Amino acid sequence: MKTKQTILIFHPALAPYRVDFFNALHRAFNAHFYFNLANVSDQKFDQDDLKSKSEFSSNYLHKGFEFKGKSFRTGAISAIKKHKPDIVLCSEYSPLTCLVFGYVKLFRKNIRFYTISDDSIANSIERKGVRKLLRNIISKNSNGVLFTSETVCNWHKENVSKKVNTLELPIIHKDEVLRARYLDSLNEANANIVKYNLKGKKIILFVGRLVEVKNLPFLLECFSKVENKDCKLVLVGDGDLRKELETLSEKLNISEKVIFTGRKEGRELNNWYTFSQVFVFPSTYERYGAVVNEALLGGCYTLCSDAAGASSLIDGKNGQLFDPKNEMDFTEKLQAAIYNSEPLDSEITKLRENKMPFSFDDKIGSLIKQL
């Protein structure tokens, strides 16, 4: 029996959209996971729930400090000495990544070093100064960088260096795992259909933080301009702009058609993906956008900003891309999506067809073979 190779993973924090990937690494390798933080810095996920879904044990680099939004942690070198990995996988071009990269290159040249970059092409272009320098040095001298799509991989080959060994890692869930959770949320779905009087309606869904970069005033303005007699716009999330958005919806005379649910997790979130006909993701600046994958797995027709990394998941059959700064472009596509949708007419008893253009297993299987 072939002995599994040892992989050591350093990552900022455990998040829902990484659990399936980390579980796959745990099954394929003798894997050890170390996190900088107890939770994601800009979103507080239910960590007990995430750990219950994790097949691996979580370790934490407790010693260190935060400075200008960056985590400076010690303990990574000790972890390398303890586990003697064949492979080290880091995240982005953070201080910890730089430390581990330097140590491996100087003292552990037998270890294969990889890092994950969630940059979209727009993010890649906008990297400047020290951040760009670190990106270029690490990407050219590591065993590989895991980018979110083939398009981003090709951009780095063409614009950074042909020496960059690129691997594809879209931020996606394991199909059958998340769809099983959607199936488990159908009671909540039917309860919400009754609670919000959604039978006979067409539901346009947004999920995310209510913050400036999500471009939600743009969404409300465009929604107010389409024929929306039988429509409801549902915003699942919370953030600094909530009161401003509620005021704007009143000003646009659409407040009765806009539902603010607040932030949701688990079944309280998942159920919305099972019956909303159209999902919208209007961000002006988004490194990826894991919710696009979640919407497609639920069977939502998806309108995605072309500025988001997750735009690579849209193939013209499962949705459309749009310019998040062009009201006419988005309004026309939103109107067409509404027109082509069927209103809810009965209780939800089963899931719709998965609209993802590829599977988690295909992508992860290919990646693991390359590591």
Protein backbone atom coordinates (compact mmCIF):
# COMPACT_ATOMS: atom_id res chain seq x y z
CA MET A 1 0.00 0.00 0.00
CA LYS A 2 1.38 3.38 -1.04
CA THR A 3 2.16 5.69 1.89
CA LYS A 4 0.32 8.99 1.78
CA GLN A 5 2.42 12.09 1.37
CA THR A 6 2.30 14.65 4.16
CA ILE A 7 0.85 18.07 3.43
CA LEU A 8 0.91 21.03 5.81
CA ILE A 9 -1.73 23.71 5.20
CA PHE A 10 -1.52 27.26 6.59
CA HIS A 11 -4.70 29.29 6.10
CA PRO A 12 -6.19 32.47 7.63
CA ALA A 13 -9.37 30.90 9.06
CA LEU A 14 -11.91 28.13 8.52
CA ALA A 15 -14.74 29.22 6.20
CA PRO A 16 -17.72 27.31 4.74
CA TYR A 17 -16.45 27.50 1.17
CA ARG A 18 -13.14 25.78 2.10
CA VAL A 19 -14.44 22.82 4.12
CA ASP A 20 -15.01 20.49 1.17
CA PHE A 21 -11.60 21.32 -0.31
CA PHE A 22 -9.86 20.72 3.01
CA ASN A 23 -11.76 17.46 3.50
CA ALA A 24 -10.54 16.33 0.07
CA LEU A 25 -6.94 17.14 1.03
CA HIS A 26 -7.41 15.26 4.30
CA ARG A 27 -8.55 12.16 2.42
CA ALA A 28 -5.80 12.31 -0.20
CA PHE A 29 -2.86 13.17 2.07
CA ASN A 30 -1.61 12.91 5.61
CA ALA A 31 -2.82 16.48 6.17
CA HIS A 32 -2.29 18.96 9.02
CA PHE A 33 -4.18 22.27 9.17
CA TYR A 34 -3.09 25.46 10.93
CA PHE A 35 -5.21 28.62 11.04
CA ASN A 36 -4.17 32.17 11.94
CA LEU A 37 -7.55 33.22 13.31
CA ALA A 38 -10.43 31.62 15.18
CA ASN A 39 -12.86 33.07 12.61
CA VAL A 40 -12.92 34.94 9.31
CA SER A 41 -12.07 38.58 9.97
CA ASP A 42 -14.98 40.22 8.12
CA GLN A 43 -17.64 37.52 8.69
CA LYS A 44 -18.31 35.49 11.81
CA PHE A 45 -19.27 31.96 10.81
CA ASP A 46 -20.54 29.30 13.18
CA GLN A 47 -17.23 27.57 13.81
CA ASP A 48 -18.76 24.71 15.80
CA ASP A 49 -20.96 23.89 12.81
CA LEU A 50 -18.02 24.08 10.40
CA LYS A 51 -15.90 21.81 12.59
CA SER A 52 -18.74 19.28 12.73
CA LYS A 53 -18.56 19.13 8.92
CA SER A 54 -14.76 18.88 8.89
CA GLU A 55 -13.08 15.50 8.67
CA PHE A 56 -9.80 17.03 9.88
CA SER A 57 -8.57 18.59 13.11
CA SER A 58 -7.98 22.33 13.29
CA ASN A 59 -4.82 23.76 14.85
CA TYR A 60 -4.23 27.44 15.53
CA LEU A 61 -1.19 29.71 15.47
CA HIS A 62 -2.10 31.66 18.60
CA LYS A 63 1.09 33.66 19.10
CA GLY A 64 1.46 36.88 17.15
CA PHE A 65 -0.38 40.12 16.47
CA GLU A 66 -2.55 42.03 14.02
CA PHE A 67 -1.26 45.11 12.19
CA LYS A 68 -3.15 47.10 9.55
CA GLY A 69 -5.43 44.18 8.76
CA LYS A 70 -2.59 41.67 8.46
CA SER A 71 -1.93 38.72 10.76
CA PHE A 72 1.65 38.24 11.91
CA ARG A 73 1.95 34.78 13.46
CA THR A 74 4.76 32.67 14.85
CA GLY A 75 4.80 28.89 15.09
CA ALA A 76 4.83 27.99 11.41
CA ILE A 77 8.49 26.96 11.40
CA SER A 78 7.93 24.76 14.45
CA ALA A 79 5.00 23.11 12.64
CA ILE A 80 7.22 22.37 9.62
CA LYS A 81 9.89 20.83 11.85
CA LYS A 82 7.27 18.77 13.70
CA HIS A 83 5.36 17.35 10.72
CA LYS A 84 8.22 17.12 8.17
CA PRO A 85 5.86 17.68 5.22
CA ASP A 86 6.43 16.76 1.60
CA ILE A 87 4.18 19.68 0.57
CA VAL A 88 3.37 23.03 2.17
CA LEU A 89 0.28 24.96 1.04
CA CYS A 90 -0.12 28.59 2.10
CA SER A 91 -2.63 31.34 1.36
CA GLU A 92 -2.00 34.40 -0.82
CA TYR A 93 1.21 36.43 -0.29
CA SER A 94 0.69 37.17 3.39
CA PRO A 95 3.43 37.73 6.00
CA LEU A 96 3.09 34.06 7.03
CA THR A 97 3.36 32.91 3.42
CA CYS A 98 6.50 35.01 2.94
CA LEU A 99 8.03 33.55 6.13
CA VAL A 100 7.28 29.95 5.17
CA PHE A 101 8.39 30.53 1.56
CA GLY A 102 11.73 31.97 2.69
CA TYR A 103 12.34 29.18 5.18
CA VAL A 104 11.54 26.42 2.69
CA LYS A 105 13.70 27.94 -0.04
CA LEU A 106 16.66 28.45 2.30
CA PHE A 107 16.53 25.42 4.57
CA ARG A 108 14.02 22.83 3.29
CA LYS A 109 14.48 22.74 -0.46
CA ASN A 110 13.08 19.20 -0.62
CA ILE A 111 9.61 20.51 0.38
CA ARG A 112 7.25 21.45 -2.46
CA PHE A 113 5.77 24.89 -1.82
CA TYR A 114 2.40 26.09 -3.14
CA THR A 115 0.17 29.03 -2.33
CA ILE A 116 -3.48 29.84 -3.03
CA SER A 117 -4.45 33.11 -4.71
CA ASP A 118 -8.13 34.07 -4.97
CA ASP A 119 -7.34 37.09 -7.17
CA SER A 120 -9.56 37.80 -10.14
CA ILE A 121 -7.92 39.28 -13.23
CA ALA A 122 -8.96 42.76 -12.04
CA ASN A 123 -7.31 42.16 -8.65
CA SER A 124 -4.19 40.82 -10.38
CA ILE A 125 -3.90 43.92 -12.56
CA GLU A 126 -4.40 46.25 -9.60
CA ARG A 127 -1.62 44.77 -7.44
CA LYS A 128 0.99 47.49 -6.92
CA GLY A 129 4.21 48.16 -5.03
CA VAL A 130 5.31 45.67 -2.38
CA ARG A 131 2.26 43.45 -2.86
CA LYS A 132 3.01 43.10 -6.58
CA LEU A 133 6.71 42.46 -5.87
CA LEU A 134 5.93 39.71 -3.37
CA ARG A 135 3.40 38.16 -5.75
CA ASN A 136 5.94 38.07 -8.56
CA ILE A 137 8.79 36.64 -6.45
CA ILE A 138 6.72 33.92 -4.79
CA SER A 139 4.75 32.91 -7.88
CA LYS A 140 7.87 32.58 -10.05
CA ASN A 141 9.84 30.58 -7.49
CA SER A 142 7.26 28.25 -5.97
CA ASN A 143 6.16 24.84 -7.20
CA GLY A 144 2.80 26.33 -8.13
CA VAL A 145 0.05 28.86 -7.44
CA LEU A 146 -3.59 27.78 -7.19
CA PHE A 147 -5.75 30.31 -9.04
CA THR A 148 -9.55 30.37 -9.24
CA SER A 149 -9.96 29.74 -12.98
CA GLU A 150 -8.15 28.82 -16.16
CA THR A 151 -8.66 32.40 -17.36
CA VAL A 152 -6.75 33.79 -14.37
CA CYS A 153 -4.06 31.13 -14.81
CA ASN A 154 -3.56 32.21 -18.42
CA TRP A 155 -3.44 35.89 -17.45
CA HIS A 156 -0.58 35.24 -15.04
CA LYS A 157 1.30 33.22 -17.63
CA GLU A 158 0.98 36.07 -20.12
CA ASN A 159 1.43 39.06 -17.81
CA VAL A 160 3.56 37.96 -14.85
CA SER A 161 5.83 35.18 -16.10
CA LYS A 162 5.72 32.00 -18.14
CA LYS A 163 7.69 30.51 -15.23
CA VAL A 164 4.60 30.61 -13.00
CA ASN A 165 3.27 27.06 -12.59
CA THR A 166 -0.48 27.61 -12.46
CA LEU A 167 -3.10 25.22 -11.06
CA GLU A 168 -6.87 25.73 -11.09
CA LEU A 169 -8.87 25.81 -7.86
CA PRO A 170 -12.32 27.41 -8.15
CA ILE A 171 -13.95 28.21 -4.80
CA ILE A 172 -16.74 25.68 -4.97
CA HIS A 173 -18.57 23.22 -2.75
CA LYS A 174 -18.80 19.48 -3.25
CA ASP A 175 -21.98 19.12 -5.29
CA GLU A 176 -23.69 16.27 -3.47
CA VAL A 177 -22.75 17.57 -0.01
CA LEU A 178 -24.27 21.03 -0.42
CA ARG A 179 -27.28 19.77 -2.36
CA ALA A 180 -28.01 17.33 0.47
CA ARG A 181 -28.09 20.34 2.80
CA TYR A 182 -30.42 22.13 0.40
CA LEU A 183 -32.73 19.12 0.45
CA ASP A 184 -32.65 19.24 4.24
CA SER A 185 -33.76 22.89 4.14
CA LEU A 186 -37.02 22.43 2.19
CA ASN A 187 -39.19 22.78 5.29
CA GLU A 188 -37.62 26.20 5.88
CA ALA A 189 -38.16 27.02 2.20
CA ASN A 190 -41.87 26.31 2.38
CA ALA A 191 -42.15 28.19 5.67
CA ASN A 192 -40.54 31.27 4.09
CA ILE A 193 -42.80 31.05 1.05
CA VAL A 194 -45.76 31.30 3.42
CA LYS A 195 -44.16 33.85 5.76
CA TYR A 196 -43.33 36.31 2.98
CA ASN A 197 -46.35 35.50 0.79
CA LEU A 198 -44.20 34.34 -2.13
CA LYS A 199 -46.56 31.91 -3.83
CA GLY A 200 -47.21 33.09 -7.38
CA LYS A 201 -44.15 35.36 -7.23
CA LYS A 202 -40.80 35.49 -8.99
CA ILE A 203 -37.95 35.89 -6.50
CA ILE A 204 -34.71 37.70 -7.26
CA LEU A 205 -32.10 36.80 -4.63
CA PHE A 206 -28.94 38.47 -3.36
CA VAL A 207 -26.77 36.93 -0.61
CA GLY A 208 -23.88 38.78 0.97
CA ARG A 209 -22.77 41.65 3.14
CA LEU A 210 -24.69 44.90 2.74
CA VAL A 211 -21.60 46.98 2.05
CA GLU A 212 -20.52 49.44 -0.62
CA VAL A 213 -18.52 47.07 -2.81
CA LYS A 214 -21.58 44.87 -3.31
CA ASN A 215 -23.15 47.63 -5.43
CA LEU A 216 -26.62 47.27 -3.91
CA PRO A 217 -27.95 50.81 -4.62
CA PHE A 218 -27.30 49.94 -8.28
CA LEU A 219 -29.32 46.74 -7.83
CA LEU A 220 -32.25 48.59 -6.24
CA GLU A 221 -32.22 51.30 -8.92
CA CYS A 222 -32.29 48.73 -11.71
CA PHE A 223 -34.95 46.62 -10.01
CA SER A 224 -37.15 49.69 -9.75
CA LYS A 225 -36.95 50.15 -13.52
CA VAL A 226 -38.00 46.65 -14.61
CA GLU A 227 -41.51 45.28 -14.86
CA ASN A 228 -41.66 43.74 -11.39
CA LYS A 229 -45.36 43.43 -10.63
CA ASP A 230 -45.12 39.80 -9.52
CA CYS A 231 -41.53 39.99 -8.23
CA LYS A 232 -39.83 40.14 -4.87
CA LEU A 233 -36.20 41.15 -4.36
CA VAL A 234 -34.73 39.34 -1.35
CA LEU A 235 -31.52 40.59 0.28
CA VAL A 236 -30.05 37.99 2.63
CA GLY A 237 -27.32 39.60 4.67
CA ASP A 238 -26.50 42.51 6.91
CA GLY A 239 -24.04 45.37 7.01
CA ASP A 240 -23.40 49.09 7.29
CA LEU A 241 -25.65 50.00 4.36
CA ARG A 242 -28.83 48.32 5.55
CA LYS A 243 -30.64 51.47 6.74
CA GLU A 244 -29.51 53.38 3.66
CA LEU A 245 -30.82 50.61 1.40
CA GLU A 246 -34.14 50.47 3.23
CA THR A 247 -34.49 54.24 2.80
CA LEU A 248 -33.60 54.00 -0.89
CA SER A 249 -36.18 51.27 -1.49
CA GLU A 250 -38.84 53.55 0.03
CA LYS A 251 -37.66 56.46 -2.13
CA LEU A 252 -37.90 54.26 -5.25
CA ASN A 253 -41.41 53.08 -4.23
CA ILE A 254 -40.34 49.43 -4.14
CA SER A 255 -40.21 48.88 -0.37
CA GLU A 256 -43.16 46.46 -0.54
CA LYS A 257 -41.26 44.39 -3.09
CA VAL A 258 -37.93 44.27 -1.22
CA ILE A 259 -37.32 41.85 1.66
CA PHE A 260 -34.41 42.32 4.08
CA THR A 261 -33.94 39.04 5.97
CA GLY A 262 -30.78 39.86 7.89
CA ARG A 263 -27.74 37.60 7.96
CA LYS A 264 -28.43 33.85 7.77
CA GLU A 265 -26.43 30.62 8.00
CA GLY A 266 -27.16 26.93 7.60
CA ARG A 267 -30.72 25.94 6.67
CA GLU A 268 -31.92 29.52 7.22
CA LEU A 269 -29.67 30.54 4.32
CA ASN A 270 -29.68 27.40 2.19
CA ASN A 271 -33.44 27.31 1.72
CA TRP A 272 -33.44 30.56 -0.27
CA TYR A 273 -31.32 28.95 -2.99
CA THR A 274 -33.87 26.15 -3.49
CA PHE A 275 -36.73 28.25 -4.86
CA SER A 276 -35.47 31.73 -5.85
CA GLN A 277 -35.61 31.83 -9.63
CA VAL A 278 -32.94 34.48 -10.28
CA PHE A 279 -29.75 35.11 -8.32
CA VAL A 280 -27.93 38.43 -8.73
CA PHE A 281 -24.32 39.26 -7.86
CA PRO A 282 -23.68 42.92 -8.74
CA SER A 283 -20.31 43.59 -7.04
CA THR A 284 -18.02 46.18 -8.57
CA TYR A 285 -14.95 44.57 -6.99
CA GLU A 286 -14.93 40.91 -5.95
CA ARG A 287 -12.01 38.52 -5.77
CA TYR A 288 -14.31 35.55 -6.29
CA GLY A 289 -17.80 35.24 -4.79
CA ALA A 290 -18.54 31.79 -3.36
CA VAL A 291 -22.28 32.52 -3.33
CA VAL A 292 -22.41 32.22 -7.14
CA ASN A 293 -21.50 28.53 -6.87
CA GLU A 294 -24.07 28.12 -4.08
CA ALA A 295 -26.79 29.69 -6.25
CA LEU A 296 -25.97 27.52 -9.27
CA LEU A 297 -26.00 24.37 -7.15
CA GLY A 298 -29.50 25.36 -6.04
CA GLY A 299 -30.66 25.73 -9.64
CA CYS A 300 -30.86 29.54 -9.74
CA TYR A 301 -30.45 31.34 -13.06
CA THR A 302 -27.57 33.68 -12.19
CA LEU A 303 -26.72 37.22 -13.26
CA CYS A 304 -23.10 37.79 -12.26
CA SER A 305 -20.93 40.90 -12.42
CA ASP A 306 -18.09 40.52 -14.90
CA ALA A 307 -15.81 42.04 -12.22
CA ALA A 308 -16.19 38.95 -9.99
CA GLY A 309 -13.82 35.99 -10.13
CA ALA A 310 -16.85 33.69 -10.05
CA SER A 311 -17.84 35.01 -13.49
CA SER A 312 -15.89 31.99 -14.77
CA LEU A 313 -18.80 29.79 -13.60
CA ILE A 314 -21.30 31.45 -15.97
CA ASP A 315 -21.53 29.82 -19.38
CA GLY A 316 -24.48 31.59 -21.03
CA LYS A 317 -26.82 28.68 -20.33
CA ASN A 318 -26.90 29.00 -16.56
CA GLY A 319 -26.91 32.80 -16.51
CA GLN A 320 -25.43 35.98 -17.95
CA LEU A 321 -22.55 38.31 -17.16
CA PHE A 322 -23.10 42.06 -16.97
CA ASP A 323 -21.18 45.28 -16.49
CA PRO A 324 -21.81 46.37 -12.84
CA LYS A 325 -21.44 50.02 -13.81
CA ASN A 326 -23.86 49.92 -16.74
CA GLU A 327 -27.49 50.23 -15.61
CA MET A 328 -28.88 49.62 -19.09
CA ASP A 329 -26.90 46.41 -19.54
CA PHE A 330 -27.99 44.97 -16.20
CA THR A 331 -31.59 46.19 -16.40
CA GLU A 332 -32.10 44.53 -19.78
CA LYS A 333 -30.65 41.24 -18.57
CA LEU A 334 -32.62 41.34 -15.32
CA GLN A 335 -35.83 42.02 -17.24
CA ALA A 336 -35.16 39.10 -19.59
CA ALA A 337 -34.38 36.79 -16.65
CA ILE A 338 -37.63 37.77 -14.93
CA TYR A 339 -39.63 37.33 -18.13
CA ASN A 340 -38.19 33.83 -18.68
CA SER A 341 -38.85 32.69 -15.09
CA GLU A 342 -41.90 30.78 -13.93
CA PRO A 343 -43.60 32.01 -10.73
CA LEU A 344 -43.78 29.76 -7.67
CA ASP A 345 -46.98 27.77 -7.93
CA SER A 346 -46.72 24.96 -5.39
CA GLU A 347 -44.97 23.64 -2.31
CA ILE A 348 -41.27 22.84 -2.78
CA THR A 349 -40.78 19.07 -2.57
CA LYS A 350 -37.56 18.47 -4.52
CA LEU A 351 -34.44 20.22 -5.74
CA ARG A 352 -34.08 21.72 -9.19
CA GLU A 353 -31.37 20.74 -11.63
CA ASN A 354 -27.81 21.65 -10.68
CA LYS A 355 -26.66 24.48 -12.98
CA MET A 356 -22.90 24.23 -12.33
CA PRO A 357 -20.90 23.77 -15.56
CA PHE A 358 -18.52 21.27 -13.90
CA SER A 359 -18.29 19.20 -10.73
CA PHE A 360 -16.25 19.61 -7.57
CA ASP A 361 -14.82 16.11 -7.93
CA ASP A 362 -13.54 16.79 -11.45
CA LYS A 363 -11.69 19.93 -10.41
CA ILE A 364 -10.33 18.63 -7.10
CA GLY A 365 -9.32 15.29 -8.57
CA SER A 366 -7.29 17.03 -11.26
CA LEU A 367 -5.68 19.39 -8.74
CA ILE A 368 -4.63 16.66 -6.30
CA LYS A 369 -2.92 14.75 -9.11
CA GLN A 370 -0.83 17.85 -9.85
CA LEU A 371 0.28 18.57 -6.28
